[in-house]
Amino acid sequence: MSIAHYIKEIGRGKEGARSLTRAQAADLFGLVLDGAVSDLEIGAFCLSMRIKGETPLELRGFIDAAEARINVNALQATWNKASTRPVVVIPSYNGARKLPLLTPLLALLLEREGLSVLVHGMDEGLKAASGVQRVTSAEIFNQLALDAKASSHVQYISISKLSPPLKKLLDVRKVVGLRNSAHSVVKLINPYRVPSNTKSVLVTSYTHPEYAASMSETLAGMQATALLLRGTEGEAVADPRRTPVMTGLRAGKAVVLQGAQHGTLNELPQLPTTVDASLTAVYIQSVLAGTESVPAPIALQVQHILKLL
């Protein structure tokens, strides 16, 4: 099959490109994910959307296609527990570059509050555009030996298992050097959004302020229940040093739950001095054991998530 007719619409440059309907976007993204088109067409799609930018309606169509292709069997661990506990879904794709990655801490604090948590992300180390290696949640969960704890209500799953087609599309960045629509989609999918018998909340983030409005509008159109915040190096965990703005959505209706912290900081939390996965895991264990305090912004984030469920 060919997507040339879609490329013709979206590939006319930033000023001349036309937006797709939700149904058209779902069809286009489905064909790309299914590998029904050539590599050349996939490259054209990625670059065209990068220049044009996705509208909230197009993102909803892309999410429709992506969620329809999620590997449900890979989610069996949290599916089995979802009947008794609400589920928090946290995408983790940016990793740590300068600050220790505390997305696993957020997940384990939510588990302690009686919730099931699904964290999904990359299954290998990340390399930033500058060439600096980033530590991933997968590496930290591995240090925490999460898989060895049968009683755990936190599941980490790599995107290669959750959705192999999305992983393949994410990997296009390694070839062309630019992010594509898949990088937006992975931050907005929620495998538990559709089943009516499962309470769930998506905790997600934006890296640049211009994405805040489009992500909020997309989540509102999906009638999603979600917490949206400015990410810590792109991760959906509150900056442990300074509280960011946090917007909550319940059935698509948005409200600011937390204002940004301004002014001079009087005290900084005692964080690990490097992003090393083993040191971060030791710090997380000390917080859970009570020997280190939970950073105040993350404690606030936990409380706001609880209020949304």
Protein backbone atom coordinates (compact mmCIF):
# COMPACT_ATOMS: atom_id res chain seq x y z
CA MET A 1 0.00 0.00 0.00
CA SER A 2 1.05 3.61 -0.49
CA ILE A 3 0.71 6.67 1.73
CA ALA A 4 1.69 9.05 -1.08
CA HIS A 5 -1.73 10.75 -0.93
CA TYR A 6 -1.15 11.54 2.75
CA ILE A 7 2.41 12.73 2.14
CA LYS A 8 1.03 15.07 -0.50
CA GLU A 9 -1.19 16.70 2.15
CA ILE A 10 1.27 16.92 5.05
CA GLY A 11 4.49 17.38 3.10
CA ARG A 12 3.93 20.86 1.62
CA GLY A 13 6.02 22.63 4.26
CA LYS A 14 5.00 24.44 7.43
CA GLU A 15 2.80 27.01 5.66
CA GLY A 16 1.35 24.90 2.85
CA ALA A 17 0.72 21.57 4.61
CA ARG A 18 -2.84 20.53 5.36
CA SER A 19 -3.92 18.82 8.57
CA LEU A 20 -5.49 15.38 8.55
CA THR A 21 -8.73 14.32 10.17
CA ARG A 22 -8.57 11.96 13.15
CA ALA A 23 -9.65 9.03 10.97
CA GLN A 24 -7.07 9.86 8.29
CA ALA A 25 -4.32 10.19 10.91
CA ALA A 26 -5.27 6.82 12.41
CA ASP A 27 -5.20 5.17 8.99
CA LEU A 28 -1.85 6.75 8.09
CA PHE A 29 -0.17 5.89 11.39
CA GLY A 30 -1.61 2.37 11.29
CA LEU A 31 -0.10 1.75 7.86
CA VAL A 32 3.26 3.06 9.09
CA LEU A 33 3.18 0.90 12.24
CA ASP A 34 2.12 -2.18 10.30
CA GLY A 35 5.11 -1.85 7.97
CA ALA A 36 2.76 -1.68 5.00
CA VAL A 37 4.79 1.08 3.34
CA SER A 38 8.36 1.50 2.15
CA ASP A 39 11.23 2.85 4.26
CA LEU A 40 11.35 5.86 1.94
CA GLU A 41 7.70 6.66 2.68
CA ILE A 42 8.28 6.24 6.43
CA GLY A 43 11.16 8.70 6.21
CA ALA A 44 8.97 11.12 4.25
CA PHE A 45 6.21 10.78 6.86
CA CYS A 46 8.60 11.42 9.76
CA LEU A 47 10.21 14.48 8.18
CA SER A 48 6.90 15.92 6.92
CA MET A 49 5.30 15.72 10.37
CA ARG A 50 8.46 17.07 11.98
CA ILE A 51 8.27 20.19 9.80
CA LYS A 52 4.48 20.58 9.94
CA GLY A 53 3.92 19.58 13.57
CA GLU A 54 1.05 17.39 14.79
CA THR A 55 -2.32 18.92 15.56
CA PRO A 56 -4.16 17.59 18.65
CA LEU A 57 -6.67 15.88 16.34
CA GLU A 58 -3.88 14.17 14.40
CA LEU A 59 -2.27 13.06 17.65
CA ARG A 60 -5.56 11.52 18.73
CA GLY A 61 -5.66 9.57 15.47
CA PHE A 62 -2.07 8.42 15.94
CA ILE A 63 -2.88 7.34 19.51
CA ASP A 64 -5.96 5.43 18.28
CA ALA A 65 -3.73 3.45 15.92
CA ALA A 66 -0.98 2.91 18.50
CA GLU A 67 -3.29 1.77 21.31
CA ALA A 68 -5.02 -0.67 18.94
CA ARG A 69 -1.65 -2.36 18.37
CA ILE A 70 -0.45 -2.65 21.97
CA ASN A 71 0.73 -6.13 22.94
CA VAL A 72 -1.81 -6.87 25.68
CA ASN A 73 -0.13 -10.17 26.57
CA ALA A 74 2.95 -8.28 27.76
CA LEU A 75 0.78 -6.48 30.30
CA GLN A 76 -0.53 -9.60 32.00
CA ALA A 77 1.15 -8.82 35.34
CA THR A 78 -0.68 -5.53 35.81
CA TRP A 79 -3.86 -6.70 34.04
CA ASN A 80 -4.25 -9.39 36.73
CA LYS A 81 -3.93 -6.83 39.52
CA ALA A 82 -5.91 -4.02 37.93
CA SER A 83 -9.23 -5.34 39.23
CA THR A 84 -8.26 -4.55 42.81
CA ARG A 85 -6.00 -1.50 42.40
CA PRO A 86 -6.18 1.58 40.19
CA VAL A 87 -3.34 1.79 37.67
CA VAL A 88 -0.93 4.67 37.12
CA VAL A 89 0.78 4.68 33.71
CA ILE A 90 4.12 6.51 33.45
CA PRO A 91 6.08 6.82 30.18
CA SER A 92 9.85 7.02 30.72
CA TYR A 93 11.78 7.76 27.51
CA ASN A 94 14.22 10.61 28.18
CA GLY A 95 16.46 9.21 30.89
CA ALA A 96 18.90 11.06 33.16
CA ARG A 97 21.66 13.31 31.88
CA LYS A 98 22.52 15.68 34.74
CA LEU A 99 20.10 14.81 37.56
CA PRO A 100 19.48 11.35 39.06
CA LEU A 101 16.45 9.70 37.47
CA LEU A 102 13.68 9.48 40.07
CA THR A 103 10.83 8.12 37.94
CA PRO A 104 11.29 4.69 39.66
CA LEU A 105 11.02 6.43 43.05
CA LEU A 106 7.72 8.02 42.00
CA ALA A 107 6.42 4.60 40.89
CA LEU A 108 7.39 2.92 44.16
CA LEU A 109 5.90 5.73 46.27
CA LEU A 110 2.61 5.32 44.36
CA GLU A 111 2.72 1.56 44.98
CA ARG A 112 3.09 2.28 48.69
CA GLU A 113 -0.15 4.27 48.47
CA GLY A 114 -2.02 1.20 47.22
CA LEU A 115 -1.79 1.68 43.45
CA SER A 116 -0.54 -0.53 40.62
CA VAL A 117 2.01 1.22 38.39
CA LEU A 118 3.03 0.53 34.80
CA VAL A 119 6.22 2.26 33.66
CA HIS A 120 7.13 1.82 29.99
CA GLY A 121 10.22 3.04 28.18
CA MET A 122 13.40 2.07 26.36
CA ASP A 123 15.17 -1.21 27.05
CA GLU A 124 18.69 -0.01 26.43
CA GLY A 125 20.90 2.95 27.25
CA LEU A 126 20.06 6.26 25.61
CA LYS A 127 22.50 8.60 23.92
CA ALA A 128 21.57 12.26 23.85
CA ALA A 129 22.12 14.40 20.75
CA SER A 130 25.32 15.68 22.38
CA GLY A 131 26.62 12.11 22.58
CA VAL A 132 26.24 11.93 26.38
CA GLN A 133 24.94 8.57 27.59
CA ARG A 134 21.69 8.75 29.58
CA VAL A 135 20.68 6.41 32.40
CA THR A 136 17.25 4.83 31.89
CA SER A 137 14.52 3.68 34.26
CA ALA A 138 15.15 0.14 32.99
CA GLU A 139 18.69 0.26 34.38
CA ILE A 140 17.54 1.56 37.76
CA PHE A 141 14.70 -0.96 38.08
CA ASN A 142 17.24 -3.64 37.25
CA GLN A 143 19.41 -2.41 40.15
CA LEU A 144 16.36 -2.49 42.41
CA ALA A 145 15.75 -6.13 41.36
CA LEU A 146 12.07 -5.34 40.82
CA ASP A 147 11.46 -8.47 38.73
CA ALA A 148 12.54 -10.65 41.65
CA LYS A 149 9.72 -9.32 43.84
CA ALA A 150 6.64 -11.36 42.98
CA SER A 151 4.50 -9.23 45.28
CA SER A 152 5.41 -5.98 43.50
CA HIS A 153 2.62 -3.92 41.99
CA VAL A 154 5.10 -1.99 39.84
CA GLN A 155 5.81 -3.33 36.35
CA TYR A 156 8.45 -1.97 34.01
CA ILE A 157 8.00 -2.95 30.38
CA SER A 158 10.15 -1.97 27.43
CA ILE A 159 8.51 -0.45 24.36
CA SER A 160 10.02 -3.30 22.33
CA LYS A 161 7.64 -5.65 24.19
CA LEU A 162 4.72 -3.27 24.67
CA SER A 163 4.65 -2.25 21.00
CA PRO A 164 7.36 -3.49 18.62
CA PRO A 165 6.03 -1.28 15.77
CA LEU A 166 6.36 1.85 17.92
CA LYS A 167 9.89 0.83 18.91
CA LYS A 168 10.79 0.49 15.23
CA LEU A 169 9.44 3.97 14.51
CA LEU A 170 11.30 5.45 17.49
CA ASP A 171 14.50 3.93 16.09
CA VAL A 172 14.13 5.98 12.89
CA ARG A 173 15.65 8.81 14.93
CA LYS A 174 18.96 6.92 14.91
CA VAL A 175 18.98 7.16 11.12
CA VAL A 176 17.64 10.66 10.41
CA GLY A 177 18.75 12.32 13.67
CA LEU A 178 15.36 13.92 14.43
CA ARG A 179 12.48 12.98 16.71
CA ASN A 180 9.22 11.99 15.02
CA SER A 181 5.56 11.58 15.91
CA ALA A 182 6.24 8.32 17.75
CA HIS A 183 8.10 10.30 20.43
CA SER A 184 4.91 12.26 21.12
CA VAL A 185 2.65 9.21 20.95
CA VAL A 186 4.56 7.11 23.50
CA LYS A 187 4.04 9.86 26.07
CA LEU A 188 0.27 9.83 25.56
CA ILE A 189 -0.75 6.17 25.23
CA ASN A 190 -2.57 4.49 28.12
CA PRO A 191 -3.34 0.77 27.69
CA TYR A 192 -5.88 1.01 30.52
CA ARG A 193 -7.83 3.97 29.11
CA VAL A 194 -10.46 1.96 27.25
CA PRO A 195 -11.48 -0.86 29.68
CA SER A 196 -14.35 0.67 31.67
CA ASN A 197 -13.70 -1.56 34.69
CA THR A 198 -10.17 -0.23 35.23
CA LYS A 199 -9.45 3.05 36.97
CA SER A 200 -6.31 4.57 35.55
CA VAL A 201 -4.39 7.82 35.33
CA LEU A 202 -1.65 8.76 32.88
CA VAL A 203 1.27 10.73 34.33
CA THR A 204 3.10 12.46 31.52
CA SER A 205 5.28 15.47 30.79
CA TYR A 206 6.42 17.96 28.19
CA THR A 207 9.95 19.16 27.54
CA HIS A 208 9.20 22.58 26.05
CA PRO A 209 6.38 25.00 27.00
CA GLU A 210 4.91 24.98 23.48
CA TYR A 211 4.06 21.29 23.90
CA ALA A 212 2.03 21.93 27.06
CA ALA A 213 -0.97 23.36 25.20
CA SER A 214 -1.05 20.71 22.45
CA MET A 215 -0.68 17.83 24.92
CA SER A 216 -3.36 19.27 27.20
CA GLU A 217 -5.75 19.72 24.26
CA THR A 218 -5.05 16.19 23.03
CA LEU A 219 -5.70 14.69 26.48
CA ALA A 220 -8.86 16.78 26.83
CA GLY A 221 -10.14 15.53 23.48
CA MET A 222 -9.49 11.96 24.61
CA GLN A 223 -11.46 12.68 27.81
CA ALA A 224 -8.41 11.35 29.62
CA THR A 225 -7.63 11.29 33.30
CA ALA A 226 -4.04 12.48 33.55
CA LEU A 227 -1.43 14.55 35.34
CA LEU A 228 0.64 16.78 33.05
CA LEU A 229 3.77 18.61 34.17
CA ARG A 230 7.03 20.10 32.91
CA GLY A 231 9.34 17.11 33.00
CA THR A 232 12.67 16.74 34.76
CA GLU A 233 15.01 16.35 31.78
CA GLY A 234 11.93 15.12 29.94
CA GLU A 235 10.88 12.55 32.57
CA ALA A 236 7.38 12.64 34.10
CA VAL A 237 8.60 13.14 37.66
CA ALA A 238 8.63 16.45 39.49
CA ASP A 239 11.98 18.19 39.77
CA PRO A 240 13.14 17.29 43.31
CA ARG A 241 14.66 20.76 43.73
CA ARG A 242 11.79 23.01 42.63
CA THR A 243 8.08 22.26 42.28
CA PRO A 244 6.79 22.66 38.70
CA VAL A 245 3.28 23.53 37.55
CA MET A 246 1.07 20.43 37.58
CA THR A 247 -2.16 20.28 35.58
CA GLY A 248 -4.72 17.60 36.30
CA LEU A 249 -7.34 16.28 33.88
CA ARG A 250 -10.31 14.23 34.96
CA ALA A 251 -12.44 12.94 32.08
CA GLY A 252 -10.79 15.59 29.90
CA LYS A 253 -11.51 18.59 32.13
CA ALA A 254 -8.29 20.39 33.04
CA VAL A 255 -7.46 22.27 36.23
CA VAL A 256 -4.15 23.56 37.60
CA LEU A 257 -3.49 21.48 40.72
CA GLN A 258 -0.13 22.95 41.62
CA GLY A 259 1.49 26.29 40.91
CA ALA A 260 5.17 26.66 40.13
CA GLN A 261 7.60 27.34 42.94
CA HIS A 262 9.32 30.72 42.55
CA GLY A 263 12.04 32.60 44.35
CA THR A 264 15.27 31.49 45.98
CA LEU A 265 15.49 27.95 47.32
CA ASN A 266 16.37 27.86 51.01
CA GLU A 267 17.32 24.20 51.05
CA LEU A 268 18.18 21.53 48.49
CA PRO A 269 17.46 17.80 48.94
CA GLN A 270 20.43 15.49 49.47
CA LEU A 271 20.48 13.89 46.03
CA PRO A 272 23.10 11.52 44.58
CA THR A 273 25.98 13.49 43.08
CA THR A 274 25.96 11.50 39.82
CA VAL A 275 23.30 9.87 37.61
CA ASP A 276 24.82 6.41 38.13
CA ALA A 277 22.05 3.77 38.19
CA SER A 278 23.41 1.89 41.22
CA LEU A 279 23.79 5.07 43.30
CA THR A 280 20.31 6.21 42.30
CA ALA A 281 18.90 2.82 43.34
CA VAL A 282 20.62 3.07 46.74
CA TYR A 283 19.17 6.56 47.22
CA ILE A 284 15.66 5.35 46.27
CA GLN A 285 15.93 2.50 48.78
CA SER A 286 17.01 4.92 51.50
CA VAL A 287 13.99 7.16 50.79
CA LEU A 288 11.62 4.20 50.92
CA ALA A 289 13.25 3.05 54.18
CA GLY A 290 12.79 6.51 55.70
CA THR A 291 16.47 7.30 56.18
CA GLU A 292 16.20 10.03 53.51
CA SER A 293 13.23 12.37 53.13
CA VAL A 294 10.96 12.22 50.09
CA PRO A 295 11.73 15.37 48.04
CA ALA A 296 8.83 17.75 48.66
CA PRO A 297 7.89 18.27 44.97
CA ILE A 298 7.63 14.49 44.43
CA ALA A 299 5.57 14.08 47.61
CA LEU A 300 3.19 16.74 46.25
CA GLN A 301 3.04 14.95 42.89
CA VAL A 302 2.03 11.70 44.61
CA GLN A 303 -0.80 13.46 46.45
CA HIS A 304 -2.11 15.11 43.28
CA ILE A 305 -2.13 11.74 41.46
CA LEU A 306 -4.12 10.20 44.32
CA LYS A 307 -6.69 12.99 44.06
CA LEU A 308 -7.28 12.19 40.37
CA LEU A 309 -8.30 8.57 41.10
